[in-house]
PDB file of N, CA and C in Angstrom:
ATOM      1  N   MET A   1     -25.512 137.151 -41.207  1.00  0.00           N
ATOM      2  CA  MET A   1     -26.637 137.688 -41.977  1.00  0.00           C
ATOM      3  C   MET A   1     -26.609 137.091 -43.376  1.00  0.00           C
ATOM      4  N   ASN A   2     -27.756 136.726 -43.885  1.00  0.00           N
ATOM      5  CA  ASN A   2     -27.849 136.053 -45.174  1.00  0.00           C
ATOM      6  C   ASN A   2     -27.987 137.012 -46.360  1.00  0.00           C
ATOM      7  N   GLY A   3     -27.793 138.285 -46.161  1.00  0.00           N
ATOM      8  CA  GLY A   3     -27.890 139.253 -47.241  1.00  0.00           C
ATOM      9  C   GLY A   3     -29.296 139.787 -47.452  1.00  0.00           C
ATOM     10  N   GLN A   4     -30.272 139.187 -46.783  1.00  0.00           N
ATOM     11  CA  GLN A   4     -31.639 139.666 -46.893  1.00  0.00           C
ATOM     12  C   GLN A   4     -31.881 140.761 -45.862  1.00  0.00           C
ATOM     13  N   LYS A   5     -32.716 141.728 -46.232  1.00  0.00           N
ATOM     14  CA  LYS A   5     -33.038 142.833 -45.333  1.00  0.00           C
ATOM     15  C   LYS A   5     -34.506 142.765 -44.967  1.00  0.00           C
ATOM     16  N   THR A   6     -34.797 143.132 -43.741  1.00  0.00           N
ATOM     17  CA  THR A   6     -36.191 143.248 -43.326  1.00  0.00           C
ATOM     18  C   THR A   6     -36.752 144.539 -43.892  1.00  0.00           C
ATOM     19  N   MET A   7     -38.052 144.660 -43.866  1.00  0.00           N
ATOM     20  CA  MET A   7     -38.697 145.892 -44.321  1.00  0.00           C
ATOM     21  C   MET A   7     -38.224 147.078 -43.474  1.00  0.00           C
ATOM     22  N   LYS A   8     -38.094 146.842 -42.178  1.00  0.00           N
ATOM     23  CA  LYS A   8     -37.613 147.899 -41.269  1.00  0.00           C
ATOM     24  C   LYS A   8     -36.197 148.342 -41.659  1.00  0.00           C
ATOM     25  N   GLU A   9     -35.357 147.376 -42.017  1.00  0.00           N
ATOM     26  CA  GLU A   9     -33.989 147.705 -42.439  1.00  0.00           C
ATOM     27  C   GLU A   9     -33.991 148.474 -43.762  1.00  0.00           C
ATOM     28  N   LEU A  10     -34.875 148.098 -44.674  1.00  0.00           N
ATOM     29  CA  LEU A  10     -34.986 148.844 -45.933  1.00  0.00           C
ATOM     30  C   LEU A  10     -35.394 150.285 -45.657  1.00  0.00           C
ATOM     31  N   GLN A  11     -36.388 150.442 -44.805  1.00  0.00           N
ATOM     32  CA  GLN A  11     -36.843 151.796 -44.489  1.00  0.00           C
ATOM     33  C   GLN A  11     -35.738 152.600 -43.811  1.00  0.00           C
ATOM     34  N   GLN A  12     -34.981 151.967 -42.923  1.00  0.00           N
ATOM     35  CA  GLN A  12     -33.888 152.668 -42.247  1.00  0.00           C
ATOM     36  C   GLN A  12     -32.783 153.034 -43.226  1.00  0.00           C
ATOM     37  N   GLU A  13     -32.463 152.139 -44.148  1.00  0.00           N
ATOM     38  CA  GLU A  13     -31.418 152.413 -45.136  1.00  0.00           C
ATOM     39  C   GLU A  13     -31.792 153.607 -46.007  1.00  0.00           C
ATOM     40  N   VAL A  14     -33.045 153.663 -46.432  1.00  0.00           N
ATOM     41  CA  VAL A  14     -33.504 154.804 -47.231  1.00  0.00           C
ATOM     42  C   VAL A  14     -33.481 156.073 -46.391  1.00  0.00           C
ATOM     43  N   ASP A  15     -33.917 155.970 -45.140  1.00  0.00           N
ATOM     44  CA  ASP A  15     -33.921 157.146 -44.259  1.00  0.00           C
ATOM     45  C   ASP A  15     -32.505 157.656 -44.017  1.00  0.00           C
ATOM     46  N   ASP A  16     -31.563 156.748 -43.820  1.00  0.00           N
ATOM     47  CA  ASP A  16     -30.162 157.151 -43.646  1.00  0.00           C
ATOM     48  C   ASP A  16     -29.646 157.861 -44.895  1.00  0.00           C
ATOM     49  N   TYR A  17     -30.014 157.351 -46.064  1.00  0.00           N
ATOM     50  CA  TYR A  17     -29.571 157.970 -47.316  1.00  0.00           C
ATOM     51  C   TYR A  17     -30.164 159.376 -47.456  1.00  0.00           C
ATOM     52  N   ILE A  18     -31.464 159.493 -47.296  1.00  0.00           N
ATOM     53  CA  ILE A  18     -32.130 160.794 -47.448  1.00  0.00           C
ATOM     54  C   ILE A  18     -31.666 161.764 -46.363  1.00  0.00           C
ATOM     55  N   GLY A  19     -31.420 161.240 -45.163  1.00  0.00           N
ATOM     56  CA  GLY A  19     -31.042 162.077 -44.029  1.00  0.00           C
ATOM     57  C   GLY A  19     -29.720 162.802 -44.189  1.00  0.00           C
ATOM     58  N   GLN A  20     -28.899 162.407 -45.143  1.00  0.00           N
ATOM     59  CA  GLN A  20     -27.614 163.080 -45.336  1.00  0.00           C
ATOM     60  C   GLN A  20     -27.732 164.366 -46.163  1.00  0.00           C
ATOM     61  N   PHE A  21     -28.948 164.658 -46.634  1.00  0.00           N
ATOM     62  CA  PHE A  21     -29.160 165.841 -47.469  1.00  0.00           C
ATOM     63  C   PHE A  21     -30.058 166.845 -46.757  1.00  0.00           C
ATOM     64  N   LYS A  22     -29.718 168.125 -46.856  1.00  0.00           N
ATOM     65  CA  LYS A  22     -30.494 169.191 -46.221  1.00  0.00           C
ATOM     66  C   LYS A  22     -31.942 169.205 -46.701  1.00  0.00           C
ATOM     67  N   GLU A  23     -32.145 168.860 -47.973  1.00  0.00           N
ATOM     68  CA  GLU A  23     -33.491 168.931 -48.546  1.00  0.00           C
ATOM     69  C   GLU A  23     -34.444 167.907 -47.936  1.00  0.00           C
ATOM     70  N   GLY A  24     -33.925 166.779 -47.486  1.00  0.00           N
ATOM     71  CA  GLY A  24     -34.780 165.747 -46.896  1.00  0.00           C
ATOM     72  C   GLY A  24     -35.739 165.154 -47.911  1.00  0.00           C
ATOM     73  N   TYR A  25     -36.841 164.639 -47.407  1.00  0.00           N
ATOM     74  CA  TYR A  25     -37.840 164.010 -48.273  1.00  0.00           C
ATOM     75  C   TYR A  25     -38.609 165.063 -49.067  1.00  0.00           C
ATOM     76  N   PHE A  26     -39.025 164.678 -50.259  1.00  0.00           N
ATOM     77  CA  PHE A  26     -39.930 165.515 -51.037  1.00  0.00           C
ATOM     78  C   PHE A  26     -41.283 165.531 -50.334  1.00  0.00           C
ATOM     79  N   THR A  27     -42.136 166.451 -50.711  1.00  0.00           N
ATOM     80  CA  THR A  27     -43.496 166.508 -50.156  1.00  0.00           C
ATOM     81  C   THR A  27     -44.290 165.300 -50.662  1.00  0.00           C
ATOM     82  N   PRO A  28     -45.388 164.955 -49.983  1.00  0.00           N
ATOM     83  CA  PRO A  28     -46.196 163.833 -50.461  1.00  0.00           C
ATOM     84  C   PRO A  28     -46.643 163.980 -51.921  1.00  0.00           C
ATOM     85  N   MET A  29     -47.004 165.168 -52.329  1.00  0.00           N
ATOM     86  CA  MET A  29     -47.433 165.354 -53.726  1.00  0.00           C
ATOM     87  C   MET A  29     -46.269 165.159 -54.698  1.00  0.00           C
ATOM     88  N   GLU A  30     -45.081 165.638 -54.328  1.00  0.00           N
ATOM     89  CA  GLU A  30     -43.909 165.420 -55.179  1.00  0.00           C
ATOM     90  C   GLU A  30     -43.558 163.938 -55.238  1.00  0.00           C
ATOM     91  N   LEU A  31     -43.660 163.254 -54.106  1.00  0.00           N
ATOM     92  CA  LEU A  31     -43.386 161.821 -54.087  1.00  0.00           C
ATOM     93  C   LEU A  31     -44.414 161.056 -54.917  1.00  0.00           C
ATOM     94  N   MET A  32     -45.669 161.497 -54.873  1.00  0.00           N
ATOM     95  CA  MET A  32     -46.699 160.847 -55.682  1.00  0.00           C
ATOM     96  C   MET A  32     -46.388 161.015 -57.167  1.00  0.00           C
ATOM     97  N   ALA A  33     -45.935 162.192 -57.544  1.00  0.00           N
ATOM     98  CA  ALA A  33     -45.561 162.430 -58.947  1.00  0.00           C
ATOM     99  C   ALA A  33     -44.373 161.548 -59.338  1.00  0.00           C
ATOM    100  N   ARG A  34     -43.394 161.442 -58.454  1.00  0.00           N
ATOM    101  CA  ARG A  34     -42.233 160.587 -58.731  1.00  0.00           C
ATOM    102  C   ARG A  34     -42.629 159.124 -58.820  1.00  0.00           C
ATOM    103  N   LEU A  35     -43.524 158.687 -57.930  1.00  0.00           N
ATOM    104  CA  LEU A  35     -43.993 157.309 -57.956  1.00  0.00           C
ATOM    105  C   LEU A  35     -44.729 157.020 -59.264  1.00  0.00           C
ATOM    106  N   THR A  36     -45.545 157.950 -59.694  1.00  0.00           N
ATOM    107  CA  THR A  36     -46.267 157.806 -60.961  1.00  0.00           C
ATOM    108  C   THR A  36     -45.288 157.714 -62.126  1.00  0.00           C
ATOM    109  N   GLU A  37     -44.258 158.531 -62.097  1.00  0.00           N
ATOM    110  CA  GLU A  37     -43.225 158.488 -63.138  1.00  0.00           C
ATOM    111  C   GLU A  37     -42.525 157.128 -63.158  1.00  0.00           C
ATOM    112  N   GLU A  38     -42.157 156.653 -61.981  1.00  0.00           N
ATOM    113  CA  GLU A  38     -41.458 155.360 -61.902  1.00  0.00           C
ATOM    114  C   GLU A  38     -42.365 154.207 -62.335  1.00  0.00           C
ATOM    115  N   LEU A  39     -43.654 154.283 -61.991  1.00  0.00           N
ATOM    116  CA  LEU A  39     -44.594 153.247 -62.441  1.00  0.00           C
ATOM    117  C   LEU A  39     -44.723 153.255 -63.957  1.00  0.00           C
ATOM    118  N   GLY A  40     -44.687 154.448 -64.540  1.00  0.00           N
ATOM    119  CA  GLY A  40     -44.715 154.550 -66.002  1.00  0.00           C
ATOM    120  C   GLY A  40     -43.494 153.905 -66.631  1.00  0.00           C
ATOM    121  N   GLU A  41     -42.337 154.107 -66.020  1.00  0.00           N
ATOM    122  CA  GLU A  41     -41.113 153.499 -66.535  1.00  0.00           C
ATOM    123  C   GLU A  41     -41.156 151.975 -66.387  1.00  0.00           C
ATOM    124  N   LEU A  42     -41.711 151.494 -65.268  1.00  0.00           N
ATOM    125  CA  LEU A  42     -41.881 150.052 -65.090  1.00  0.00           C
ATOM    126  C   LEU A  42     -42.841 149.501 -66.140  1.00  0.00           C
ATOM    127  N   SER A  43     -43.918 150.198 -66.358  1.00  0.00           N
ATOM    128  CA  SER A  43     -44.896 149.779 -67.357  1.00  0.00           C
ATOM    129  C   SER A  43     -44.262 149.682 -68.738  1.00  0.00           C
ATOM    130  N   ARG A  44     -43.443 150.639 -69.055  1.00  0.00           N
ATOM    131  CA  ARG A  44     -42.763 150.645 -70.360  1.00  0.00           C
ATOM    132  C   ARG A  44     -41.844 149.430 -70.500  1.00  0.00           C
ATOM    133  N   GLU A  45     -41.105 149.100 -69.436  1.00  0.00           N
ATOM    134  CA  GLU A  45     -40.212 147.936 -69.481  1.00  0.00           C
ATOM    135  C   GLU A  45     -40.999 146.635 -69.626  1.00  0.00           C
ATOM    136  N   VAL A  46     -42.125 146.536 -68.916  1.00  0.00           N
ATOM    137  CA  VAL A  46     -42.965 145.342 -69.044  1.00  0.00           C
ATOM    138  C   VAL A  46     -43.495 145.235 -70.474  1.00  0.00           C
ATOM    139  N   MET A  47     -43.903 146.360 -71.038  1.00  0.00           N
ATOM    140  CA  MET A  47     -44.399 146.370 -72.422  1.00  0.00           C
ATOM    141  C   MET A  47     -43.302 145.927 -73.389  1.00  0.00           C
ATOM    142  N   HIS A  48     -42.093 146.406 -73.180  1.00  0.00           N
ATOM    143  CA  HIS A  48     -40.989 146.027 -74.064  1.00  0.00           C
ATOM    144  C   HIS A  48     -40.673 144.537 -73.942  1.00  0.00           C
ATOM    145  N   HIS A  49     -40.749 144.013 -72.739  1.00  0.00           N
ATOM    146  CA  HIS A  49     -40.363 142.618 -72.514  1.00  0.00           C
ATOM    147  C   HIS A  49     -41.469 141.639 -72.890  1.00  0.00           C
ATOM    148  N   TYR A  50     -42.715 141.960 -72.519  1.00  0.00           N
ATOM    149  CA  TYR A  50     -43.820 141.015 -72.700  1.00  0.00           C
ATOM    150  C   TYR A  50     -44.826 141.425 -73.770  1.00  0.00           C
ATOM    151  N   GLY A  51     -44.823 142.687 -74.136  1.00  0.00           N
ATOM    152  CA  GLY A  51     -45.821 143.173 -75.081  1.00  0.00           C
ATOM    153  C   GLY A  51     -45.291 143.277 -76.493  1.00  0.00           C
ATOM    154  N   PRO A  52     -46.121 143.780 -77.376  1.00  0.00           N
ATOM    155  CA  PRO A  52     -45.745 143.869 -78.782  1.00  0.00           C
ATOM    156  C   PRO A  52     -44.808 145.038 -79.103  1.00  0.00           C
ATOM    157  N   LYS A  53     -44.707 146.004 -78.201  1.00  0.00           N
ATOM    158  CA  LYS A  53     -43.899 147.203 -78.480  1.00  0.00           C
ATOM    159  C   LYS A  53     -42.467 146.995 -77.994  1.00  0.00           C
ATOM    160  N   LYS A  54     -41.569 146.762 -78.906  1.00  0.00           N
ATOM    161  CA  LYS A  54     -40.170 146.529 -78.558  1.00  0.00           C
ATOM    162  C   LYS A  54     -39.411 147.852 -78.476  1.00  0.00           C
ATOM    163  N   LYS A  55     -38.277 147.825 -77.789  1.00  0.00           N
ATOM    164  CA  LYS A  55     -37.454 149.028 -77.615  1.00  0.00           C
ATOM    165  C   LYS A  55     -36.876 149.498 -78.935  1.00  0.00           C
ATOM    166  N   LYS A  56     -36.739 150.821 -79.019  1.00  0.00           N
ATOM    167  CA  LYS A  56     -36.003 151.418 -80.133  1.00  0.00           C
ATOM    168  C   LYS A  56     -34.521 151.302 -79.807  1.00  0.00           C
ATOM    169  N   SER A  57     -33.706 151.305 -80.820  1.00  0.00           N
ATOM    170  CA  SER A  57     -32.261 151.177 -80.601  1.00  0.00           C
ATOM    171  C   SER A  57     -31.701 152.356 -79.810  1.00  0.00           C
ATOM    172  N   THR A  58     -32.418 153.471 -79.787  1.00  0.00           N
ATOM    173  CA  THR A  58     -31.949 154.667 -79.075  1.00  0.00           C
ATOM    174  C   THR A  58     -32.400 154.710 -77.620  1.00  0.00           C
ATOM    175  N   GLU A  59     -33.262 153.770 -77.210  1.00  0.00           N
ATOM    176  CA  GLU A  59     -33.775 153.787 -75.840  1.00  0.00           C
ATOM    177  C   GLU A  59     -32.775 153.186 -74.863  1.00  0.00           C
ATOM    178  N   GLN A  60     -32.791 153.743 -73.651  1.00  0.00           N
ATOM    179  CA  GLN A  60     -31.899 153.289 -72.588  1.00  0.00           C
ATOM    180  C   GLN A  60     -32.193 151.838 -72.241  1.00  0.00           C
ATOM    181  N   ASP A  61     -31.155 151.091 -71.921  1.00  0.00           N
ATOM    182  CA  ASP A  61     -31.289 149.675 -71.595  1.00  0.00           C
ATOM    183  C   ASP A  61     -31.571 149.507 -70.111  1.00  0.00           C
ATOM    184  N   ASN A  62     -32.850 149.533 -69.713  1.00  0.00           N
ATOM    185  CA  ASN A  62     -33.266 149.321 -68.325  1.00  0.00           C
ATOM    186  C   ASN A  62     -33.846 147.922 -68.191  1.00  0.00           C
ATOM    187  N   THR A  63     -34.041 147.492 -66.966  1.00  0.00           N
ATOM    188  CA  THR A  63     -34.635 146.183 -66.733  1.00  0.00           C
ATOM    189  C   THR A  63     -35.867 146.341 -65.854  1.00  0.00           C
ATOM    190  N   ILE A  64     -36.724 145.352 -65.893  1.00  0.00           N
ATOM    191  CA  ILE A  64     -37.890 145.338 -65.019  1.00  0.00           C
ATOM    192  C   ILE A  64     -37.426 145.368 -63.563  1.00  0.00           C
ATOM    193  N   GLU A  65     -36.396 144.604 -63.253  1.00  0.00           N
ATOM    194  CA  GLU A  65     -35.865 144.558 -61.891  1.00  0.00           C
ATOM    195  C   GLU A  65     -35.424 145.946 -61.413  1.00  0.00           C
ATOM    196  N   ALA A  66     -34.712 146.677 -62.254  1.00  0.00           N
ATOM    197  CA  ALA A  66     -34.247 148.016 -61.881  1.00  0.00           C
ATOM    198  C   ALA A  66     -35.423 148.961 -61.667  1.00  0.00           C
ATOM    199  N   GLU A  67     -36.439 148.853 -62.515  1.00  0.00           N
ATOM    200  CA  GLU A  67     -37.598 149.740 -62.388  1.00  0.00           C
ATOM    201  C   GLU A  67     -38.416 149.399 -61.138  1.00  0.00           C
ATOM    202  N   ILE A  68     -38.525 148.117 -60.804  1.00  0.00           N
ATOM    203  CA  ILE A  68     -39.203 147.750 -59.553  1.00  0.00           C
ATOM    204  C   ILE A  68     -38.419 148.304 -58.367  1.00  0.00           C
ATOM    205  N   GLY A  69     -37.091 148.273 -58.452  1.00  0.00           N
ATOM    206  CA  GLY A  69     -36.259 148.866 -57.405  1.00  0.00           C
ATOM    207  C   GLY A  69     -36.516 150.351 -57.252  1.00  0.00           C
ATOM    208  N   ASP A  70     -36.653 151.064 -58.370  1.00  0.00           N
ATOM    209  CA  ASP A  70     -36.960 152.496 -58.319  1.00  0.00           C
ATOM    210  C   ASP A  70     -38.318 152.751 -57.668  1.00  0.00           C
ATOM    211  N   VAL A  71     -39.319 151.929 -58.033  1.00  0.00           N
ATOM    212  CA  VAL A  71     -40.654 152.065 -57.433  1.00  0.00           C
ATOM    213  C   VAL A  71     -40.573 151.820 -55.931  1.00  0.00           C
ATOM    214  N   LEU A  72     -39.852 150.776 -55.532  1.00  0.00           N
ATOM    215  CA  LEU A  72     -39.715 150.457 -54.111  1.00  0.00           C
ATOM    216  C   LEU A  72     -39.028 151.589 -53.354  1.00  0.00           C
ATOM    217  N   PHE A  73     -37.997 152.180 -53.944  1.00  0.00           N
ATOM    218  CA  PHE A  73     -37.289 153.286 -53.290  1.00  0.00           C
ATOM    219  C   PHE A  73     -38.222 154.473 -53.055  1.00  0.00           C
ATOM    220  N   VAL A  74     -38.942 154.881 -54.094  1.00  0.00           N
ATOM    221  CA  VAL A  74     -39.833 156.042 -53.954  1.00  0.00           C
ATOM    222  C   VAL A  74     -40.978 155.731 -52.999  1.00  0.00           C
ATOM    223  N   LEU A  75     -41.518 154.511 -53.073  1.00  0.00           N
ATOM    224  CA  LEU A  75     -42.586 154.123 -52.158  1.00  0.00           C
ATOM    225  C   LEU A  75     -42.081 154.127 -50.711  1.00  0.00           C
ATOM    226  N   THR A  76     -40.852 153.687 -50.511  1.00  0.00           N
ATOM    227  CA  THR A  76     -40.247 153.705 -49.177  1.00  0.00           C
ATOM    228  C   THR A  76     -40.045 155.136 -48.703  1.00  0.00           C
ATOM    229  N   CYS A  77     -39.623 156.008 -49.601  1.00  0.00           N
ATOM    230  CA  CYS A  77     -39.500 157.434 -49.250  1.00  0.00           C
ATOM    231  C   CYS A  77     -40.846 157.998 -48.803  1.00  0.00           C
ATOM    232  N   MET A  78     -41.894 157.647 -49.540  1.00  0.00           N
ATOM    233  CA  MET A  78     -43.230 158.152 -49.190  1.00  0.00           C
ATOM    234  C   MET A  78     -43.650 157.625 -47.820  1.00  0.00           C
ATOM    235  N   ALA A  79     -43.464 156.334 -47.586  1.00  0.00           N
ATOM    236  CA  ALA A  79     -43.825 155.756 -46.287  1.00  0.00           C
ATOM    237  C   ALA A  79     -43.038 156.426 -45.165  1.00  0.00           C
ATOM    238  N   ASN A  80     -41.746 156.577 -45.360  1.00  0.00           N
ATOM    239  CA  ASN A  80     -40.916 157.213 -44.330  1.00  0.00           C
ATOM    240  C   ASN A  80     -41.360 158.638 -44.060  1.00  0.00           C
ATOM    241  N   SER A  81     -41.624 159.385 -45.118  1.00  0.00           N
ATOM    242  CA  SER A  81     -41.988 160.798 -44.939  1.00  0.00           C
ATOM    243  C   SER A  81     -43.318 160.949 -44.208  1.00  0.00           C
ATOM    244  N   LEU A  82     -44.163 159.914 -44.292  1.00  0.00           N
ATOM    245  CA  LEU A  82     -45.470 159.956 -43.633  1.00  0.00           C
ATOM    246  C   LEU A  82     -45.492 159.127 -42.350  1.00  0.00           C
ATOM    247  N   ASN A  83     -44.308 158.671 -41.916  1.00  0.00           N
ATOM    248  CA  ASN A  83     -44.171 157.863 -40.697  1.00  0.00           C
ATOM    249  C   ASN A  83     -45.039 156.600 -40.732  1.00  0.00           C
ATOM    250  N   ILE A  84     -45.017 155.931 -41.880  1.00  0.00           N
ATOM    251  CA  ILE A  84     -45.771 154.689 -42.046  1.00  0.00           C
ATOM    252  C   ILE A  84     -44.803 153.519 -41.973  1.00  0.00           C
ATOM    253  N   ASP A  85     -45.099 152.581 -41.107  1.00  0.00           N
ATOM    254  CA  ASP A  85     -44.326 151.353 -40.971  1.00  0.00           C
ATOM    255  C   ASP A  85     -44.795 150.419 -42.084  1.00  0.00           C
ATOM    256  N   MET A  86     -43.932 150.157 -43.065  1.00  0.00           N
ATOM    257  CA  MET A  86     -44.326 149.353 -44.220  1.00  0.00           C
ATOM    258  C   MET A  86     -44.637 147.911 -43.843  1.00  0.00           C
ATOM    259  N   GLU A  87     -43.969 147.382 -42.844  1.00  0.00           N
ATOM    260  CA  GLU A  87     -44.278 146.017 -42.404  1.00  0.00           C
ATOM    261  C   GLU A  87     -45.692 145.957 -41.833  1.00  0.00           C
ATOM    262  N   GLN A  88     -46.032 146.934 -41.035  1.00  0.00           N
ATOM    263  CA  GLN A  88     -47.375 146.988 -40.461  1.00  0.00           C
ATOM    264  C   GLN A  88     -48.421 147.180 -41.564  1.00  0.00           C
ATOM    265  N   ALA A  89     -48.124 148.041 -42.523  1.00  0.00           N
ATOM    266  CA  ALA A  89     -49.043 148.253 -43.646  1.00  0.00           C
ATOM    267  C   ALA A  89     -49.229 146.958 -44.440  1.00  0.00           C
ATOM    268  N   HIS A  90     -48.127 146.240 -44.656  1.00  0.00           N
ATOM    269  CA  HIS A  90     -48.194 144.954 -45.364  1.00  0.00           C
ATOM    270  C   HIS A  90     -49.034 143.953 -44.579  1.00  0.00           C
ATOM    271  N   ASN A  91     -48.809 143.867 -43.278  1.00  0.00           N
ATOM    272  CA  ASN A  91     -49.577 142.930 -42.453  1.00  0.00           C
ATOM    273  C   ASN A  91     -51.070 143.242 -42.503  1.00  0.00           C
ATOM    274  N   GLN A  92     -51.412 144.520 -42.495  1.00  0.00           N
ATOM    275  CA  GLN A  92     -52.823 144.910 -42.555  1.00  0.00           C
ATOM    276  C   GLN A  92     -53.459 144.507 -43.882  1.00  0.00           C
ATOM    277  N   VAL A  93     -52.740 144.703 -44.976  1.00  0.00           N
ATOM    278  CA  VAL A  93     -53.310 144.358 -46.283  1.00  0.00           C
ATOM    279  C   VAL A  93     -53.406 142.847 -46.444  1.00  0.00           C
ATOM    280  N   MET A  94     -52.444 142.095 -45.913  1.00  0.00           N
ATOM    281  CA  MET A  94     -52.521 140.633 -46.000  1.00  0.00           C
ATOM    282  C   MET A  94     -53.688 140.101 -45.174  1.00  0.00           C
ATOM    283  N   GLU A  95     -53.924 140.689 -44.016  1.00  0.00           N
ATOM    284  CA  GLU A  95     -55.079 140.300 -43.202  1.00  0.00           C
ATOM    285  C   GLU A  95     -56.372 140.569 -43.979  1.00  0.00           C
ATOM    286  N   LYS A  96     -56.428 141.703 -44.640  1.00  0.00           N
ATOM    287  CA  LYS A  96     -57.606 142.044 -45.438  1.00  0.00           C
ATOM    288  C   LYS A  96     -57.814 141.016 -46.548  1.00  0.00           C
ATOM    289  N   PHE A  97     -56.753 140.696 -47.290  1.00  0.00           N
ATOM    290  CA  PHE A  97     -56.884 139.731 -48.387  1.00  0.00           C
ATOM    291  C   PHE A  97     -57.205 138.333 -47.872  1.00  0.00           C
ATOM    292  N   ASN A  98     -56.594 137.940 -46.759  1.00  0.00           N
ATOM    293  CA  ASN A  98     -56.837 136.606 -46.207  1.00  0.00           C
ATOM    294  C   ASN A  98     -58.236 136.452 -45.624  1.00  0.00           C
ATOM    295  N   SER A  99     -58.876 137.529 -45.243  1.00  0.00           N
ATOM    296  CA  SER A  99     -60.238 137.423 -44.717  1.00  0.00           C
ATOM    297  C   SER A  99     -61.263 137.764 -45.797  1.00  0.00           C
ATOM    298  N   ARG A 100     -61.157 138.901 -46.413  1.00  0.00           N
ATOM    299  CA  ARG A 100     -62.136 139.341 -47.407  1.00  0.00           C
ATOM    300  C   ARG A 100     -62.136 138.457 -48.650  1.00  0.00           C
ATOM    301  N   ASP A 101     -60.964 138.079 -49.112  1.00  0.00           N
ATOM    302  CA  ASP A 101     -60.853 137.357 -50.384  1.00  0.00           C
ATOM    303  C   ASP A 101     -60.529 135.876 -50.221  1.00  0.00           C
ATOM    304  N   LYS A 102     -60.733 135.329 -49.014  1.00  0.00           N
ATOM    305  CA  LYS A 102     -60.307 133.947 -48.764  1.00  0.00           C
ATOM    306  C   LYS A 102     -60.992 132.933 -49.671  1.00  0.00           C
ATOM    307  N   ASP A 103     -62.201 133.216 -50.124  1.00  0.00           N
ATOM    308  CA  ASP A 103     -62.914 132.284 -51.003  1.00  0.00           C
ATOM    309  C   ASP A 103     -63.120 132.845 -52.412  1.00  0.00           C
ATOM    310  N   ARG A 104     -62.401 133.881 -52.745  1.00  0.00           N
ATOM    311  CA  ARG A 104     -62.596 134.544 -54.032  1.00  0.00           C
ATOM    312  C   ARG A 104     -61.968 133.781 -55.193  1.00  0.00           C
ATOM    313  N   TRP A 105     -60.854 133.137 -54.963  1.00  0.00           N
ATOM    314  CA  TRP A 105     -60.106 132.479 -56.028  1.00  0.00           C
ATOM    315  C   TRP A 105     -60.112 130.973 -55.835  1.00  0.00           C
ATOM    316  N   THR A 106     -59.883 130.257 -56.909  1.00  0.00           N
ATOM    317  CA  THR A 106     -59.828 128.796 -56.856  1.00  0.00           C
ATOM    318  C   THR A 106     -58.463 128.385 -56.334  1.00  0.00           C
ATOM    319  N   ARG A 107     -58.465 127.696 -55.207  1.00  0.00           N
ATOM    320  CA  ARG A 107     -57.203 127.270 -54.593  1.00  0.00           C
ATOM    321  C   ARG A 107     -56.629 126.069 -55.328  1.00  0.00           C
ATOM    322  N   LYS A 108     -55.321 125.949 -55.283  1.00  0.00           N
ATOM    323  CA  LYS A 108     -54.665 124.762 -55.809  1.00  0.00           C
ATOM    324  C   LYS A 108     -55.072 123.579 -54.948  1.00  0.00           C
ATOM    325  N   ASP A 109     -55.120 122.413 -55.514  1.00  0.00           N
ATOM    326  CA  ASP A 109     -55.590 121.220 -54.808  1.00  0.00           C
ATOM    327  C   ASP A 109     -54.875 120.969 -53.489  1.00  0.00           C
ATOM    328  N   ASP A 110     -53.576 121.206 -53.426  1.00  0.00           N
ATOM    329  CA  ASP A 110     -52.814 120.885 -52.222  1.00  0.00           C
ATOM    330  C   ASP A 110     -52.880 121.980 -51.152  1.00  0.00           C
ATOM    331  N   GLN A 111     -53.649 123.041 -51.375  1.00  0.00           N
ATOM    332  CA  GLN A 111     -53.703 124.150 -50.410  1.00  0.00           C
ATOM    333  C   GLN A 111     -55.112 124.412 -49.907  1.00  0.00           C
ATOM    334  N   GLN A 112     -55.967 123.424 -49.948  1.00  0.00           N
ATOM    335  CA  GLN A 112     -57.350 123.636 -49.486  1.00  0.00           C
ATOM    336  C   GLN A 112     -57.510 123.369 -48.027  1.00  0.00           C
TER     337      GLN A 112
END
């Protein structure tokens, strides 16, 4: 194994982790609130790194990578709790973009 995980393996790993606790998954509304919180934290890190608002010396040292990981974890929890196959969801959205938006953007010369 090359260290890479499939989407199915990611979902199973999260399910195994959550499954060890009596509480299980949060409700969809609680997960939505957590996802919103994590997106806010990601937004803050992007602002600190790329925007004009730099971190205060008292702020925790997080990274964009860590915040994307948090978003992915909560999103995976939500998908698992709703029995959504993330690979299938991804395939559906890519099909939508490849058909609906196929002529929306200017392609690079070597990809026409």
